[in-house]
Amino acid sequence: GYKILILRLHSSIYTDDFLYVFSGEEYIESKYVGEQLTGSVRKAHTFNESEMPYFALRAVLIGQFKPDALKGTILIMMGCNGTSSNYVVQDFLQEGVQAYISWDGYINLNHSDKATLRLIQALCLEGLKPEAAVEKVNREIGLDPSYATRLVCRLPQGN
């Protein structure tokens, strides 16, 4: 039942080509054993090697336990590599999201915050459709200066 859902989380593609979003919970091997065995959650590391690992959740599980939870939602994934897994993108679109917006690679947090704020303004204050809002943000804010990644909008087929 969300109009816009913003996920400001670190995210990463695992070797199974699934997108995982990081939780704030430090990883303990003896927790969530069943979920670990099925790949629903994994041990995940940030780029900061001095940090402890965290639990990361397979992104496709967002909204899975409440039918139609994402229907009509504009889903904004602010973390890295949000469009790098076609399976994840297609799954969200099949769940009924109106638009899935994320980055096509690694992203600097400051750039993501700046671009996302501008995106929200374009969507909510200017009333732009998601695809037009993303185009405007990319034109005005530009590529990430560190990684040259861009914001991408994916829509269900037929839109």
Protein backbone atom coordinates (compact mmCIF):
# COMPACT_ATOMS: atom_id res chain seq x y z
CA GLY A 1 0.00 0.00 0.00
CA TYR A 2 2.96 2.39 -0.43
CA LYS A 3 3.00 5.16 -3.02
CA ILE A 4 6.79 5.46 -2.82
CA LEU A 5 9.13 3.09 -1.00
CA ILE A 6 12.71 4.29 -0.56
CA LEU A 7 15.29 1.72 0.49
CA ARG A 8 18.44 3.51 1.61
CA LEU A 9 20.49 0.38 2.17
CA HIS A 10 23.82 -0.97 1.10
CA SER A 11 23.21 -3.63 -1.53
CA SER A 12 25.28 -6.04 -3.53
CA ILE A 13 25.01 -8.74 -6.16
CA TYR A 14 26.08 -12.14 -4.87
CA THR A 15 27.59 -14.87 -7.04
CA ASP A 16 24.10 -16.37 -7.48
CA ASP A 17 23.14 -13.17 -9.42
CA PHE A 18 20.64 -12.14 -6.75
CA LEU A 19 20.58 -8.68 -5.24
CA TYR A 20 20.96 -8.64 -1.47
CA VAL A 21 20.19 -5.67 0.79
CA PHE A 22 22.13 -5.27 4.00
CA SER A 23 20.44 -5.23 7.37
CA GLY A 24 21.91 -3.46 10.38
CA GLU A 25 22.20 -6.77 12.20
CA GLU A 26 25.69 -8.14 12.70
CA TYR A 27 26.16 -11.63 11.33
CA ILE A 28 26.11 -14.54 13.78
CA GLU A 29 26.55 -17.92 12.13
CA SER A 30 24.10 -19.68 14.49
CA LYS A 31 21.19 -17.30 13.71
CA TYR A 32 18.68 -17.75 10.88
CA VAL A 33 20.18 -21.12 9.97
CA GLY A 34 17.20 -22.20 7.85
CA GLU A 35 17.18 -18.91 5.99
CA GLN A 36 20.93 -19.16 5.42
CA LEU A 37 20.58 -22.67 4.03
CA THR A 38 17.94 -21.53 1.53
CA GLY A 39 19.88 -18.39 0.54
CA SER A 40 17.22 -16.03 1.88
CA VAL A 41 19.87 -14.37 4.03
CA ARG A 42 23.64 -14.35 3.72
CA LYS A 43 26.74 -13.19 5.49
CA ALA A 44 27.76 -9.90 3.87
CA HIS A 45 30.70 -7.52 4.16
CA THR A 46 30.85 -3.81 3.49
CA PHE A 47 33.83 -2.17 1.82
CA ASN A 48 35.14 -1.29 5.28
CA GLU A 49 37.29 -4.31 6.13
CA SER A 50 37.40 -3.39 9.82
CA GLU A 51 33.62 -3.80 10.18
CA MET A 52 32.00 -7.00 11.28
CA PRO A 53 29.90 -8.79 8.64
CA TYR A 54 26.14 -8.21 8.53
CA PHE A 55 23.11 -10.21 7.54
CA ALA A 56 21.89 -9.38 4.06
CA LEU A 57 18.41 -10.26 2.79
CA ARG A 58 17.65 -11.44 -0.73
CA ALA A 59 15.92 -8.37 -2.18
CA VAL A 60 13.13 -10.31 -3.90
CA LEU A 61 11.76 -11.17 -0.45
CA ILE A 62 10.72 -7.54 0.10
CA GLY A 63 6.95 -7.53 0.01
CA GLN A 64 6.67 -11.29 -0.56
CA PHE A 65 4.77 -12.05 2.63
CA LYS A 66 1.89 -9.64 2.04
CA PRO A 67 0.05 -10.04 -1.27
CA ASP A 68 -0.14 -6.86 -3.33
CA ALA A 69 2.12 -5.05 -0.83
CA LEU A 70 4.09 -3.39 -3.63
CA LYS A 71 1.28 -2.99 -6.15
CA GLY A 72 1.35 0.53 -7.59
CA THR A 73 4.47 1.49 -5.63
CA ILE A 74 7.38 3.46 -6.99
CA LEU A 75 10.29 1.49 -5.52
CA ILE A 76 13.54 3.43 -5.16
CA MET A 77 16.58 1.27 -4.34
CA MET A 78 19.39 3.63 -3.37
CA GLY A 79 22.11 1.00 -2.92
CA CYS A 80 24.71 -0.25 -5.36
CA ASN A 81 23.92 -2.44 -8.36
CA GLY A 82 20.14 -2.24 -8.00
CA THR A 83 19.54 -2.90 -11.70
CA SER A 84 22.35 -5.44 -12.14
CA SER A 85 20.09 -8.44 -11.52
CA ASN A 86 17.43 -8.75 -14.21
CA TYR A 87 15.75 -11.42 -12.11
CA VAL A 88 15.26 -9.00 -9.22
CA VAL A 89 14.00 -6.21 -11.47
CA GLN A 90 11.52 -8.54 -13.21
CA ASP A 91 10.35 -9.95 -9.89
CA PHE A 92 9.53 -6.50 -8.53
CA LEU A 93 7.74 -5.58 -11.76
CA GLN A 94 5.71 -8.80 -11.59
CA GLU A 95 4.83 -7.94 -7.98
CA GLY A 96 3.09 -4.89 -9.41
CA VAL A 97 5.47 -2.02 -8.75
CA GLN A 98 4.65 1.01 -10.88
CA ALA A 99 8.35 1.72 -11.38
CA TYR A 100 11.64 0.34 -10.10
CA ILE A 101 14.39 2.97 -9.85
CA SER A 102 17.98 2.20 -8.93
CA TRP A 103 21.65 2.51 -9.92
CA ASP A 104 23.34 0.54 -12.70
CA GLY A 105 26.54 -0.06 -10.70
CA TYR A 106 28.41 1.07 -7.63
CA ILE A 107 27.34 4.39 -6.16
CA ASN A 108 28.87 6.94 -3.82
CA LEU A 109 26.53 7.54 -0.87
CA ASN A 110 26.68 11.35 -1.11
CA HIS A 111 25.81 11.25 -4.82
CA SER A 112 22.98 8.79 -4.20
CA ASP A 113 21.52 11.00 -1.47
CA LYS A 114 21.72 14.12 -3.64
CA ALA A 115 20.17 12.39 -6.66
CA THR A 116 17.44 10.71 -4.61
CA LEU A 117 16.43 13.98 -2.99
CA ARG A 118 16.15 15.56 -6.45
CA LEU A 119 14.20 12.51 -7.65
CA ILE A 120 11.68 12.84 -4.82
CA GLN A 121 11.24 16.53 -5.63
CA ALA A 122 10.64 15.73 -9.30
CA LEU A 123 8.12 13.00 -8.44
CA CYS A 124 6.24 14.63 -5.56
CA LEU A 125 6.54 18.39 -6.06
CA GLU A 126 6.73 18.58 -9.84
CA GLY A 127 4.42 15.62 -10.48
CA LEU A 128 6.66 14.02 -13.10
CA LYS A 129 6.18 10.40 -14.08
CA PRO A 130 8.99 8.12 -12.86
CA GLU A 131 10.78 7.80 -16.20
CA ALA A 132 10.74 11.58 -16.80
CA ALA A 133 11.88 12.24 -13.22
CA VAL A 134 14.86 9.88 -13.63
CA GLU A 135 15.82 11.52 -16.93
CA LYS A 136 15.68 14.93 -15.24
CA VAL A 137 17.83 13.78 -12.33
CA ASN A 138 20.44 12.25 -14.64
CA ARG A 139 20.53 15.44 -16.69
CA GLU A 140 20.77 17.78 -13.68
CA ILE A 141 22.82 15.78 -11.19
CA GLY A 142 24.83 13.70 -13.67
CA LEU A 143 26.71 10.46 -13.38
CA ASP A 144 28.25 9.37 -10.12
CA PRO A 145 31.67 11.10 -10.08
CA SER A 146 33.47 8.08 -8.63
CA TYR A 147 31.94 5.22 -10.62
CA ALA A 148 30.20 6.87 -13.62
CA THR A 149 26.96 5.05 -12.81
CA ARG A 150 23.55 6.41 -13.60
CA LEU A 151 20.07 6.19 -12.23
CA VAL A 152 17.80 3.82 -14.19
CA CYS A 153 14.02 3.52 -14.28
CA ARG A 154 12.44 0.18 -15.17
CA LEU A 155 8.73 -0.02 -15.91
CA PRO A 156 6.38 -2.97 -16.43
CA GLN A 157 5.99 -3.99 -20.06
CA GLY A 158 3.36 -1.97 -21.85
CA ASN A 159 4.14 1.26 -19.96
